[in-house]
């Protein structure tokens, strides 16, 4: 088994680390947000009332299997820290969504256009 050291120079580029993280999530047999919840999340974000959207998404997140919930919580806490440095890294909420959204939440069958 090969051991990796994040102290190695090859890991000093944030893009390499981010790419590895995205690849890990993309290669899971099922996304972090399970396929069975995809439609419910999409319906929730389409609700006309923003308060209803937040409440419904919160309910759905709470319904995740415990390992998925814990992982998502940890990942989102990290991404919030990334967004706090938007002046340096230009990673806005929208950019984070574009980069990580399709990796964490995707339908079971790939549609023609997401």
PDB file of N, CA and C in Angstrom:
ATOM      1  N   UNK A   1       0.842  -1.173   0.000  1.00  0.00           N
ATOM      2  CA  UNK A   1       0.000   0.000   0.000  1.00  0.00           C
ATOM      3  C   UNK A   1       0.894   1.245   0.000  1.00  0.00           C
ATOM      4  N   UNK A   2       0.631   2.148  -0.926  1.00  0.00           N
ATOM      5  CA  UNK A   2       1.425   3.376  -1.032  1.00  0.00           C
ATOM      6  C   UNK A   2       0.931   4.416  -0.031  1.00  0.00           C
ATOM      7  N   UNK A   3       1.858   5.048   0.652  1.00  0.00           N
ATOM      8  CA  UNK A   3       1.531   6.099   1.614  1.00  0.00           C
ATOM      9  C   UNK A   3       1.770   7.450   0.972  1.00  0.00           C
ATOM     10  N   UNK A   4       0.860   8.366   1.216  1.00  0.00           N
ATOM     11  CA  UNK A   4       0.991   9.724   0.707  1.00  0.00           C
ATOM     12  C   UNK A   4       1.349  10.657   1.838  1.00  0.00           C
ATOM     13  N   UNK A   5       2.141  11.655   1.519  1.00  0.00           N
ATOM     14  CA  UNK A   5       2.463  12.691   2.493  1.00  0.00           C
ATOM     15  C   UNK A   5       2.045  14.028   1.914  1.00  0.00           C
ATOM     16  N   UNK A   6       1.142  14.709   2.613  1.00  0.00           N
ATOM     17  CA  UNK A   6       0.697  16.022   2.133  1.00  0.00           C
ATOM     18  C   UNK A   6       1.800  17.060   2.239  1.00  0.00           C
ATOM     19  N   UNK A   7       2.928  16.711   2.874  1.00  0.00           N
ATOM     20  CA  UNK A   7       4.078  17.617   2.952  1.00  0.00           C
ATOM     21  C   UNK A   7       4.894  17.595   1.652  1.00  0.00           C
ATOM     22  N   UNK A   8       4.662  16.589   0.802  1.00  0.00           N
ATOM     23  CA  UNK A   8       5.388  16.521  -0.471  1.00  0.00           C
ATOM     24  C   UNK A   8       5.044  17.725  -1.340  1.00  0.00           C
ATOM     25  N   UNK A   9       6.015  18.242  -2.080  1.00  0.00           N
ATOM     26  CA  UNK A   9       5.774  19.427  -2.913  1.00  0.00           C
ATOM     27  C   UNK A   9       4.647  19.263  -3.931  1.00  0.00           C
ATOM     28  N   UNK A  10       4.387  18.045  -4.387  1.00  0.00           N
ATOM     29  CA  UNK A  10       3.338  17.848  -5.380  1.00  0.00           C
ATOM     30  C   UNK A  10       1.958  18.246  -4.852  1.00  0.00           C
ATOM     31  N   UNK A  11       1.791  18.292  -3.527  1.00  0.00           N
ATOM     32  CA  UNK A  11       0.505  18.632  -2.915  1.00  0.00           C
ATOM     33  C   UNK A  11       0.418  20.109  -2.526  1.00  0.00           C
ATOM     34  N   UNK A  12       1.434  20.895  -2.855  1.00  0.00           N
ATOM     35  CA  UNK A  12       1.423  22.307  -2.456  1.00  0.00           C
ATOM     36  C   UNK A  12       0.479  23.148  -3.323  1.00  0.00           C
ATOM     37  N   UNK A  13       0.111  22.661  -4.485  1.00  0.00           N
ATOM     38  CA  UNK A  13      -0.816  23.379  -5.365  1.00  0.00           C
ATOM     39  C   UNK A  13      -2.250  23.044  -4.950  1.00  0.00           C
ATOM     40  N   UNK A  14      -2.999  24.060  -4.548  1.00  0.00           N
ATOM     41  CA  UNK A  14      -4.363  23.859  -4.068  1.00  0.00           C
ATOM     42  C   UNK A  14      -5.237  23.185  -5.128  1.00  0.00           C
ATOM     43  N   UNK A  15      -4.940  23.399  -6.394  1.00  0.00           N
ATOM     44  CA  UNK A  15      -5.730  22.788  -7.455  1.00  0.00           C
ATOM     45  C   UNK A  15      -5.553  21.268  -7.490  1.00  0.00           C
ATOM     46  N   UNK A  16      -4.367  20.805  -7.154  1.00  0.00           N
ATOM     47  CA  UNK A  16      -4.115  19.366  -7.111  1.00  0.00           C
ATOM     48  C   UNK A  16      -4.921  18.738  -5.970  1.00  0.00           C
ATOM     49  N   UNK A  17      -4.891  19.376  -4.813  1.00  0.00           N
ATOM     50  CA  UNK A  17      -5.620  18.861  -3.658  1.00  0.00           C
ATOM     51  C   UNK A  17      -7.125  18.884  -3.935  1.00  0.00           C
ATOM     52  N   UNK A  18      -7.616  19.996  -4.477  1.00  0.00           N
ATOM     53  CA  UNK A  18      -9.042  20.108  -4.791  1.00  0.00           C
ATOM     54  C   UNK A  18      -9.448  19.066  -5.825  1.00  0.00           C
ATOM     55  N   UNK A  19      -8.616  18.880  -6.833  1.00  0.00           N
ATOM     56  CA  UNK A  19      -8.903  17.869  -7.851  1.00  0.00           C
ATOM     57  C   UNK A  19      -8.966  16.473  -7.258  1.00  0.00           C
ATOM     58  N   UNK A  20      -8.064  16.179  -6.334  1.00  0.00           N
ATOM     59  CA  UNK A  20      -8.068  14.863  -5.683  1.00  0.00           C
ATOM     60  C   UNK A  20      -9.338  14.682  -4.842  1.00  0.00           C
ATOM     61  N   UNK A  21      -9.747  15.741  -4.144  1.00  0.00           N
ATOM     62  CA  UNK A  21     -10.962  15.681  -3.334  1.00  0.00           C
ATOM     63  C   UNK A  21     -12.190  15.456  -4.216  1.00  0.00           C
ATOM     64  N   UNK A  22     -12.279  16.209  -5.301  1.00  0.00           N
ATOM     65  CA  UNK A  22     -13.411  16.035  -6.222  1.00  0.00           C
ATOM     66  C   UNK A  22     -13.410  14.640  -6.828  1.00  0.00           C
ATOM     67  N   UNK A  23     -12.242  14.143  -7.189  1.00  0.00           N
ATOM     68  CA  UNK A  23     -12.151  12.802  -7.768  1.00  0.00           C
ATOM     69  C   UNK A  23     -12.623  11.751  -6.762  1.00  0.00           C
ATOM     70  N   UNK A  24     -12.230  11.910  -5.506  1.00  0.00           N
ATOM     71  CA  UNK A  24     -12.680  10.977  -4.473  1.00  0.00           C
ATOM     72  C   UNK A  24     -14.205  10.926  -4.425  1.00  0.00           C
ATOM     73  N   UNK A  25     -14.842  12.097  -4.353  1.00  0.00           N
ATOM     74  CA  UNK A  25     -16.303  12.128  -4.261  1.00  0.00           C
ATOM     75  C   UNK A  25     -16.964  11.646  -5.550  1.00  0.00           C
ATOM     76  N   UNK A  26     -16.383  11.960  -6.692  1.00  0.00           N
ATOM     77  CA  UNK A  26     -16.963  11.553  -7.971  1.00  0.00           C
ATOM     78  C   UNK A  26     -16.892  10.039  -8.154  1.00  0.00           C
ATOM     79  N   UNK A  27     -15.880   9.397  -7.591  1.00  0.00           N
ATOM     80  CA  UNK A  27     -15.700   7.957  -7.792  1.00  0.00           C
ATOM     81  C   UNK A  27     -16.399   7.095  -6.738  1.00  0.00           C
ATOM     82  N   UNK A  28     -17.082   7.723  -5.797  1.00  0.00           N
ATOM     83  CA  UNK A  28     -17.862   6.932  -4.850  1.00  0.00           C
ATOM     84  C   UNK A  28     -18.946   6.165  -5.616  1.00  0.00           C
ATOM     85  N   UNK A  29     -19.312   4.963  -5.177  1.00  0.00           N
ATOM     86  CA  UNK A  29     -20.352   4.207  -5.879  1.00  0.00           C
ATOM     87  C   UNK A  29     -21.681   4.960  -5.924  1.00  0.00           C
ATOM     88  N   UNK A  30     -21.941   5.747  -4.901  1.00  0.00           N
ATOM     89  CA  UNK A  30     -23.131   6.592  -4.860  1.00  0.00           C
ATOM     90  C   UNK A  30     -22.664   7.947  -4.336  1.00  0.00           C
ATOM     91  N   UNK A  31     -23.231   9.044  -4.877  1.00  0.00           N
ATOM     92  CA  UNK A  31     -22.772  10.367  -4.423  1.00  0.00           C
ATOM     93  C   UNK A  31     -23.044  10.591  -2.933  1.00  0.00           C
ATOM     94  N   UNK A  32     -22.408  11.615  -2.392  1.00  0.00           N
ATOM     95  CA  UNK A  32     -22.597  11.943  -0.982  1.00  0.00           C
ATOM     96  C   UNK A  32     -24.077  12.163  -0.670  1.00  0.00           C
ATOM     97  N   UNK A  33     -24.788  12.834  -1.574  1.00  0.00           N
ATOM     98  CA  UNK A  33     -26.246  12.934  -1.468  1.00  0.00           C
ATOM     99  C   UNK A  33     -26.785  11.754  -2.295  1.00  0.00           C
ATOM    100  N   UNK A  34     -27.332  10.744  -1.643  1.00  0.00           N
ATOM    101  CA  UNK A  34     -27.740   9.527  -2.354  1.00  0.00           C
ATOM    102  C   UNK A  34     -28.705   9.797  -3.513  1.00  0.00           C
ATOM    103  N   UNK A  35     -28.610   8.939  -4.513  1.00  0.00           N
ATOM    104  CA  UNK A  35     -29.465   9.070  -5.697  1.00  0.00           C
ATOM    105  C   UNK A  35     -30.939   9.211  -5.334  1.00  0.00           C
ATOM    106  N   UNK A  36     -31.379   8.475  -4.326  1.00  0.00           N
ATOM    107  CA  UNK A  36     -32.784   8.488  -3.941  1.00  0.00           C
ATOM    108  C   UNK A  36     -33.277   9.843  -3.447  1.00  0.00           C
ATOM    109  N   UNK A  37     -32.369  10.734  -3.078  1.00  0.00           N
ATOM    110  CA  UNK A  37     -32.756  12.058  -2.596  1.00  0.00           C
ATOM    111  C   UNK A  37     -32.582  13.150  -3.647  1.00  0.00           C
ATOM    112  N   UNK A  38     -32.044  12.803  -4.796  1.00  0.00           N
ATOM    113  CA  UNK A  38     -31.766  13.815  -5.821  1.00  0.00           C
ATOM    114  C   UNK A  38     -33.017  14.609  -6.180  1.00  0.00           C
ATOM    115  N   UNK A  39     -34.082  13.915  -6.558  1.00  0.00           N
ATOM    116  CA  UNK A  39     -35.305  14.619  -6.976  1.00  0.00           C
ATOM    117  C   UNK A  39     -35.881  15.482  -5.859  1.00  0.00           C
ATOM    118  N   UNK A  40     -35.806  15.001  -4.633  1.00  0.00           N
ATOM    119  CA  UNK A  40     -36.326  15.778  -3.502  1.00  0.00           C
ATOM    120  C   UNK A  40     -35.534  17.071  -3.303  1.00  0.00           C
ATOM    121  N   UNK A  41     -34.218  16.998  -3.457  1.00  0.00           N
ATOM    122  CA  UNK A  41     -33.401  18.215  -3.338  1.00  0.00           C
ATOM    123  C   UNK A  41     -33.725  19.198  -4.460  1.00  0.00           C
ATOM    124  N   UNK A  42     -33.889  18.688  -5.668  1.00  0.00           N
ATOM    125  CA  UNK A  42     -34.215  19.567  -6.801  1.00  0.00           C
ATOM    126  C   UNK A  42     -35.568  20.226  -6.582  1.00  0.00           C
ATOM    127  N   UNK A  43     -36.547  19.458  -6.128  1.00  0.00           N
ATOM    128  CA  UNK A  43     -37.875  20.024  -5.834  1.00  0.00           C
ATOM    129  C   UNK A  43     -37.775  21.089  -4.739  1.00  0.00           C
ATOM    130  N   UNK A  44     -36.954  20.843  -3.740  1.00  0.00           N
ATOM    131  CA  UNK A  44     -36.819  21.785  -2.621  1.00  0.00           C
ATOM    132  C   UNK A  44     -36.263  23.130  -3.081  1.00  0.00           C
ATOM    133  N   UNK A  45     -35.269  23.104  -3.950  1.00  0.00           N
ATOM    134  CA  UNK A  45     -34.677  24.382  -4.375  1.00  0.00           C
ATOM    135  C   UNK A  45     -35.565  25.114  -5.381  1.00  0.00           C
ATOM    136  N   UNK A  46     -36.560  24.425  -5.915  1.00  0.00           N
ATOM    137  CA  UNK A  46     -37.504  25.065  -6.833  1.00  0.00           C
ATOM    138  C   UNK A  46     -38.700  25.687  -6.112  1.00  0.00           C
ATOM    139  N   UNK A  47     -38.810  25.478  -4.800  1.00  0.00           N
ATOM    140  CA  UNK A  47     -39.931  26.052  -4.061  1.00  0.00           C
ATOM    141  C   UNK A  47     -39.895  27.577  -4.190  1.00  0.00           C
ATOM    142  N   UNK A  48     -41.045  28.215  -4.341  1.00  0.00           N
ATOM    143  CA  UNK A  48     -41.070  29.662  -4.565  1.00  0.00           C
ATOM    144  C   UNK A  48     -40.654  30.496  -3.349  1.00  0.00           C
ATOM    145  N   UNK A  49     -40.899  29.980  -2.148  1.00  0.00           N
ATOM    146  CA  UNK A  49     -40.586  30.728  -0.934  1.00  0.00           C
ATOM    147  C   UNK A  49     -39.183  30.357  -0.435  1.00  0.00           C
ATOM    148  N   UNK A  50     -38.259  31.335  -0.347  1.00  0.00           N
ATOM    149  CA  UNK A  50     -36.893  31.030   0.110  1.00  0.00           C
ATOM    150  C   UNK A  50     -36.849  30.379   1.501  1.00  0.00           C
ATOM    151  N   UNK A  51     -37.731  30.795   2.398  1.00  0.00           N
ATOM    152  CA  UNK A  51     -37.754  30.198   3.731  1.00  0.00           C
ATOM    153  C   UNK A  51     -38.150  28.718   3.660  1.00  0.00           C
ATOM    154  N   UNK A  52     -39.120  28.412   2.800  1.00  0.00           N
ATOM    155  CA  UNK A  52     -39.513  27.009   2.598  1.00  0.00           C
ATOM    156  C   UNK A  52     -38.358  26.207   2.014  1.00  0.00           C
ATOM    157  N   UNK A  53     -37.631  26.819   1.075  1.00  0.00           N
ATOM    158  CA  UNK A  53     -36.472  26.147   0.476  1.00  0.00           C
ATOM    159  C   UNK A  53     -35.483  25.728   1.556  1.00  0.00           C
ATOM    160  N   UNK A  54     -35.137  26.683   2.415  1.00  0.00           N
ATOM    161  CA  UNK A  54     -34.156  26.422   3.468  1.00  0.00           C
ATOM    162  C   UNK A  54     -34.657  25.326   4.409  1.00  0.00           C
ATOM    163  N   UNK A  55     -35.914  25.418   4.816  1.00  0.00           N
ATOM    164  CA  UNK A  55     -36.469  24.421   5.735  1.00  0.00           C
ATOM    165  C   UNK A  55     -36.484  23.029   5.115  1.00  0.00           C
ATOM    166  N   UNK A  56     -36.891  22.941   3.863  1.00  0.00           N
ATOM    167  CA  UNK A  56     -36.974  21.639   3.194  1.00  0.00           C
ATOM    168  C   UNK A  56     -35.585  21.044   2.976  1.00  0.00           C
ATOM    169  N   UNK A  57     -34.632  21.878   2.539  1.00  0.00           N
ATOM    170  CA  UNK A  57     -33.268  21.373   2.341  1.00  0.00           C
ATOM    171  C   UNK A  57     -32.692  20.915   3.678  1.00  0.00           C
ATOM    172  N   UNK A  58     -32.943  21.669   4.748  1.00  0.00           N
ATOM    173  CA  UNK A  58     -32.460  21.266   6.073  1.00  0.00           C
ATOM    174  C   UNK A  58     -33.039  19.911   6.468  1.00  0.00           C
ATOM    175  N   UNK A  59     -34.332  19.698   6.200  1.00  0.00           N
ATOM    176  CA  UNK A  59     -34.956  18.404   6.495  1.00  0.00           C
ATOM    177  C   UNK A  59     -34.285  17.287   5.705  1.00  0.00           C
ATOM    178  N   UNK A  60     -34.023  17.559   4.446  1.00  0.00           N
ATOM    179  CA  UNK A  60     -33.397  16.539   3.592  1.00  0.00           C
ATOM    180  C   UNK A  60     -31.981  16.224   4.062  1.00  0.00           C
ATOM    181  N   UNK A  61     -31.239  17.241   4.435  1.00  0.00           N
ATOM    182  CA  UNK A  61     -29.882  17.018   4.936  1.00  0.00           C
ATOM    183  C   UNK A  61     -29.934  16.182   6.212  1.00  0.00           C
ATOM    184  N   UNK A  62     -30.878  16.487   7.083  1.00  0.00           N
ATOM    185  CA  UNK A  62     -31.032  15.716   8.320  1.00  0.00           C
ATOM    186  C   UNK A  62     -31.382  14.258   8.041  1.00  0.00           C
ATOM    187  N   UNK A  63     -32.006  13.993   6.892  1.00  0.00           N
ATOM    188  CA  UNK A  63     -32.414  12.622   6.562  1.00  0.00           C
ATOM    189  C   UNK A  63     -31.295  11.794   5.930  1.00  0.00           C
ATOM    190  N   UNK A  64     -30.149  12.410   5.677  1.00  0.00           N
ATOM    191  CA  UNK A  64     -29.024  11.672   5.095  1.00  0.00           C
ATOM    192  C   UNK A  64     -28.569  10.570   6.049  1.00  0.00           C
ATOM    193  N   UNK A  65     -28.036   9.489   5.512  1.00  0.00           N
ATOM    194  CA  UNK A  65     -27.437   8.475   6.389  1.00  0.00           C
ATOM    195  C   UNK A  65     -26.343   9.142   7.244  1.00  0.00           C
ATOM    196  N   UNK A  66     -26.172   8.706   8.479  1.00  0.00           N
ATOM    197  CA  UNK A  66     -25.210   9.364   9.379  1.00  0.00           C
ATOM    198  C   UNK A  66     -23.806   9.591   8.795  1.00  0.00           C
ATOM    199  N   UNK A  67     -23.194   8.610   8.099  1.00  0.00           N
ATOM    200  CA  UNK A  67     -21.856   8.885   7.547  1.00  0.00           C
ATOM    201  C   UNK A  67     -21.891   9.990   6.474  1.00  0.00           C
ATOM    202  N   UNK A  68     -22.944  10.003   5.653  1.00  0.00           N
ATOM    203  CA  UNK A  68     -23.075  11.025   4.618  1.00  0.00           C
ATOM    204  C   UNK A  68     -23.274  12.391   5.267  1.00  0.00           C
ATOM    205  N   UNK A  69     -24.122  12.424   6.285  1.00  0.00           N
ATOM    206  CA  UNK A  69     -24.395  13.680   6.989  1.00  0.00           C
ATOM    207  C   UNK A  69     -23.111  14.239   7.599  1.00  0.00           C
ATOM    208  N   UNK A  70     -22.371  13.396   8.311  1.00  0.00           N
ATOM    209  CA  UNK A  70     -21.141  13.844   8.964  1.00  0.00           C
ATOM    210  C   UNK A  70     -20.114  14.340   7.941  1.00  0.00           C
ATOM    211  N   UNK A  71     -19.980  13.622   6.845  1.00  0.00           N
ATOM    212  CA  UNK A  71     -19.031  14.020   5.803  1.00  0.00           C
ATOM    213  C   UNK A  71     -19.450  15.330   5.160  1.00  0.00           C
ATOM    214  N   UNK A  72     -20.732  15.456   4.840  1.00  0.00           N
ATOM    215  CA  UNK A  72     -21.226  16.690   4.227  1.00  0.00           C
ATOM    216  C   UNK A  72     -21.044  17.867   5.174  1.00  0.00           C
ATOM    217  N   UNK A  73     -21.339  17.664   6.425  1.00  0.00           N
ATOM    218  CA  UNK A  73     -21.186  18.736   7.418  1.00  0.00           C
ATOM    219  C   UNK A  73     -19.732  19.196   7.485  1.00  0.00           C
ATOM    220  N   UNK A  74     -18.813  18.261   7.548  1.00  0.00           N
ATOM    221  CA  UNK A  74     -17.387  18.584   7.622  1.00  0.00           C
ATOM    222  C   UNK A  74     -16.935  19.309   6.349  1.00  0.00           C
ATOM    223  N   UNK A  75     -17.342  18.786   5.194  1.00  0.00           N
ATOM    224  CA  UNK A  75     -16.954  19.385   3.923  1.00  0.00           C
ATOM    225  C   UNK A  75     -17.511  20.804   3.794  1.00  0.00           C
ATOM    226  N   UNK A  76     -18.774  20.990   4.143  1.00  0.00           N
ATOM    227  CA  UNK A  76     -19.381  22.320   4.037  1.00  0.00           C
ATOM    228  C   UNK A  76     -18.750  23.307   5.011  1.00  0.00           C
ATOM    229  N   UNK A  77     -18.360  22.848   6.186  1.00  0.00           N
ATOM    230  CA  UNK A  77     -17.655  23.733   7.125  1.00  0.00           C
ATOM    231  C   UNK A  77     -16.341  24.198   6.503  1.00  0.00           C
ATOM    232  N   UNK A  78     -15.634  23.282   5.859  1.00  0.00           N
ATOM    233  CA  UNK A  78     -14.385  23.660   5.185  1.00  0.00           C
ATOM    234  C   UNK A  78     -14.653  24.641   4.041  1.00  0.00           C
ATOM    235  N   UNK A  79     -15.672  24.343   3.230  1.00  0.00           N
ATOM    236  CA  UNK A  79     -15.962  25.228   2.099  1.00  0.00           C
ATOM    237  C   UNK A  79     -16.410  26.612   2.572  1.00  0.00           C
ATOM    238  N   UNK A  80     -17.047  26.696   3.718  1.00  0.00           N
ATOM    239  CA  UNK A  80     -17.384  28.010   4.293  1.00  0.00           C
ATOM    240  C   UNK A  80     -16.106  28.778   4.640  1.00  0.00           C
ATOM    241  N   UNK A  81     -15.107  28.070   5.165  1.00  0.00           N
ATOM    242  CA  UNK A  81     -13.815  28.726   5.446  1.00  0.00           C
ATOM    243  C   UNK A  81     -13.157  29.189   4.152  1.00  0.00           C
ATOM    244  N   UNK A  82     -13.282  28.403   3.112  1.00  0.00           N
ATOM    245  CA  UNK A  82     -12.737  28.802   1.804  1.00  0.00           C
ATOM    246  C   UNK A  82     -13.422  30.086   1.331  1.00  0.00           C
ATOM    247  N   UNK A  83     -14.752  30.142   1.460  1.00  0.00           N
ATOM    248  CA  UNK A  83     -15.499  31.323   1.008  1.00  0.00           C
ATOM    249  C   UNK A  83     -15.171  32.567   1.831  1.00  0.00           C
ATOM    250  N   UNK A  84     -14.730  32.400   3.064  1.00  0.00           N
ATOM    251  CA  UNK A  84     -14.327  33.548   3.881  1.00  0.00           C
ATOM    252  C   UNK A  84     -13.113  34.258   3.283  1.00  0.00           C
ATOM    253  N   UNK A  85     -12.378  33.576   2.440  1.00  0.00           N
ATOM    254  CA  UNK A  85     -11.178  34.139   1.801  1.00  0.00           C
ATOM    255  C   UNK A  85     -11.449  34.507   0.350  1.00  0.00           C
ATOM    256  N   UNK A  86     -12.698  34.842   0.033  1.00  0.00           N
ATOM    257  CA  UNK A  86     -13.116  35.135  -1.341  1.00  0.00           C
ATOM    258  C   UNK A  86     -12.260  36.236  -1.975  1.00  0.00           C
ATOM    259  N   UNK A  87     -11.777  37.176  -1.159  1.00  0.00           N
ATOM    260  CA  UNK A  87     -10.956  38.259  -1.691  1.00  0.00           C
ATOM    261  C   UNK A  87      -9.624  37.759  -2.241  1.00  0.00           C
ATOM    262  N   UNK A  88      -9.170  36.610  -1.760  1.00  0.00           N
ATOM    263  CA  UNK A  88      -7.904  36.038  -2.210  1.00  0.00           C
ATOM    264  C   UNK A  88      -8.115  34.953  -3.258  1.00  0.00           C
ATOM    265  N   UNK A  89      -9.143  34.113  -3.067  1.00  0.00           N
ATOM    266  CA  UNK A  89      -9.295  32.928  -3.919  1.00  0.00           C
ATOM    267  C   UNK A  89     -10.444  33.007  -4.931  1.00  0.00           C
ATOM    268  N   UNK A  90     -11.259  34.036  -4.856  1.00  0.00           N
ATOM    269  CA  UNK A  90     -12.404  34.238  -5.753  1.00  0.00           C
ATOM    270  C   UNK A  90     -13.410  33.083  -5.733  1.00  0.00           C
ATOM    271  N   UNK A  91     -13.423  32.339  -4.638  1.00  0.00           N
ATOM    272  CA  UNK A  91     -14.366  31.227  -4.524  1.00  0.00           C
ATOM    273  C   UNK A  91     -15.627  31.717  -3.817  1.00  0.00           C
ATOM    274  N   UNK A  92     -16.549  32.237  -4.628  1.00  0.00           N
ATOM    275  CA  UNK A  92     -17.837  32.683  -4.119  1.00  0.00           C
ATOM    276  C   UNK A  92     -18.737  31.466  -3.899  1.00  0.00           C
ATOM    277  N   UNK A  93     -19.871  31.697  -3.305  1.00  0.00           N
ATOM    278  CA  UNK A  93     -20.856  30.625  -3.112  1.00  0.00           C
ATOM    279  C   UNK A  93     -21.205  29.994  -4.460  1.00  0.00           C
ATOM    280  N   UNK A  94     -21.384  30.833  -5.482  1.00  0.00           N
ATOM    281  CA  UNK A  94     -21.729  30.318  -6.807  1.00  0.00           C
ATOM    282  C   UNK A  94     -20.598  29.469  -7.381  1.00  0.00           C
ATOM    283  N   UNK A  95     -19.364  29.925  -7.218  1.00  0.00           N
ATOM    284  CA  UNK A  95     -18.227  29.163  -7.743  1.00  0.00           C
ATOM    285  C   UNK A  95     -18.069  27.826  -7.031  1.00  0.00           C
ATOM    286  N   UNK A  96     -18.261  27.832  -5.722  1.00  0.00           N
ATOM    287  CA  UNK A  96     -18.197  26.570  -4.959  1.00  0.00           C
ATOM    288  C   UNK A  96     -19.276  25.616  -5.474  1.00  0.00           C
ATOM    289  N   UNK A  97     -20.473  26.148  -5.709  1.00  0.00           N
ATOM    290  CA  UNK A  97     -21.568  25.323  -6.224  1.00  0.00           C
ATOM    291  C   UNK A  97     -21.253  24.726  -7.579  1.00  0.00           C
ATOM    292  N   UNK A  98     -20.646  25.522  -8.436  1.00  0.00           N
ATOM    293  CA  UNK A  98     -20.286  25.047  -9.778  1.00  0.00           C
ATOM    294  C   UNK A  98     -19.221  23.956  -9.689  1.00  0.00           C
ATOM    295  N   UNK A  99     -18.255  24.139  -8.804  1.00  0.00           N
ATOM    296  CA  UNK A  99     -17.145  23.201  -8.690  1.00  0.00           C
ATOM    297  C   UNK A  99     -17.560  21.906  -7.993  1.00  0.00           C
ATOM    298  N   UNK A 100     -18.292  22.008  -6.883  1.00  0.00           N
ATOM    299  CA  UNK A 100     -18.589  20.824  -6.083  1.00  0.00           C
ATOM    300  C   UNK A 100     -20.002  20.282  -6.248  1.00  0.00           C
ATOM    301  N   UNK A 101     -20.950  21.116  -6.636  1.00  0.00           N
ATOM    302  CA  UNK A 101     -22.341  20.675  -6.728  1.00  0.00           C
ATOM    303  C   UNK A 101     -22.545  19.405  -7.534  1.00  0.00           C
ATOM    304  N   UNK A 102     -22.095  19.360  -8.781  1.00  0.00           N
ATOM    305  CA  UNK A 102     -22.322  18.157  -9.596  1.00  0.00           C
ATOM    306  C   UNK A 102     -21.599  16.911  -9.083  1.00  0.00           C
ATOM    307  N   UNK A 103     -20.597  17.095  -8.245  1.00  0.00           N
ATOM    308  CA  UNK A 103     -19.874  15.956  -7.681  1.00  0.00           C
ATOM    309  C   UNK A 103     -20.608  15.373  -6.476  1.00  0.00           C
ATOM    310  N   UNK A 104     -21.268  16.253  -5.704  1.00  0.00           N
ATOM    311  CA  UNK A 104     -21.908  15.814  -4.466  1.00  0.00           C
ATOM    312  C   UNK A 104     -23.365  15.426  -4.654  1.00  0.00           C
ATOM    313  N   UNK A 105     -24.001  15.993  -5.667  1.00  0.00           N
ATOM    314  CA  UNK A 105     -25.428  15.776  -5.908  1.00  0.00           C
ATOM    315  C   UNK A 105     -25.617  15.553  -7.405  1.00  0.00           C
ATOM    316  N   UNK A 106     -25.945  14.325  -7.764  1.00  0.00           N
ATOM    317  CA  UNK A 106     -26.141  14.020  -9.189  1.00  0.00           C
ATOM    318  C   UNK A 106     -27.192  12.935  -9.329  1.00  0.00           C
ATOM    319  N   UNK A 107     -27.881  12.948 -10.473  1.00  0.00           N
ATOM    320  CA  UNK A 107     -28.923  11.925 -10.686  1.00  0.00           C
ATOM    321  C   UNK A 107     -28.298  10.557 -10.971  1.00  0.00           C
ATOM    322  N   UNK A 108     -29.086   9.529 -10.798  1.00  0.00           N
ATOM    323  CA  UNK A 108     -28.599   8.160 -11.044  1.00  0.00           C
ATOM    324  C   UNK A 108     -28.220   7.962 -12.509  1.00  0.00           C
ATOM    325  N   UNK A 109     -29.020   8.525 -13.401  1.00  0.00           N
ATOM    326  CA  UNK A 109     -28.715   8.455 -14.843  1.00  0.00           C
ATOM    327  C   UNK A 109     -28.324   9.840 -15.305  1.00  0.00           C
ATOM    328  N   UNK A 110     -27.247   9.927 -16.055  1.00  0.00           N
ATOM    329  CA  UNK A 110     -26.782  11.226 -16.529  1.00  0.00           C
ATOM    330  C   UNK A 110     -27.772  11.796 -17.549  1.00  0.00           C
ATOM    331  N   UNK A 111     -28.353  12.974 -17.263  1.00  0.00           N
ATOM    332  CA  UNK A 111     -29.268  13.590 -18.229  1.00  0.00           C
ATOM    333  C   UNK A 111     -28.479  14.183 -19.393  1.00  0.00           C
ATOM    334  N   UNK A 112     -29.170  14.517 -20.437  1.00  0.00           N
ATOM    335  CA  UNK A 112     -28.526  15.131 -21.585  1.00  0.00           C
ATOM    336  C   UNK A 112     -27.863  16.448 -21.216  1.00  0.00           C
ATOM    337  N   UNK A 113     -28.490  17.216 -20.341  1.00  0.00           N
ATOM    338  CA  UNK A 113     -27.934  18.486 -19.896  1.00  0.00           C
ATOM    339  C   UNK A 113     -28.396  18.743 -18.466  1.00  0.00           C
ATOM    340  N   UNK A 114     -27.435  18.918 -17.581  1.00  0.00           N
ATOM    341  CA  UNK A 114     -27.773  19.201 -16.200  1.00  0.00           C
ATOM    342  C   UNK A 114     -27.897  20.693 -16.054  1.00  0.00           C
TER     343      UNK A 114
END
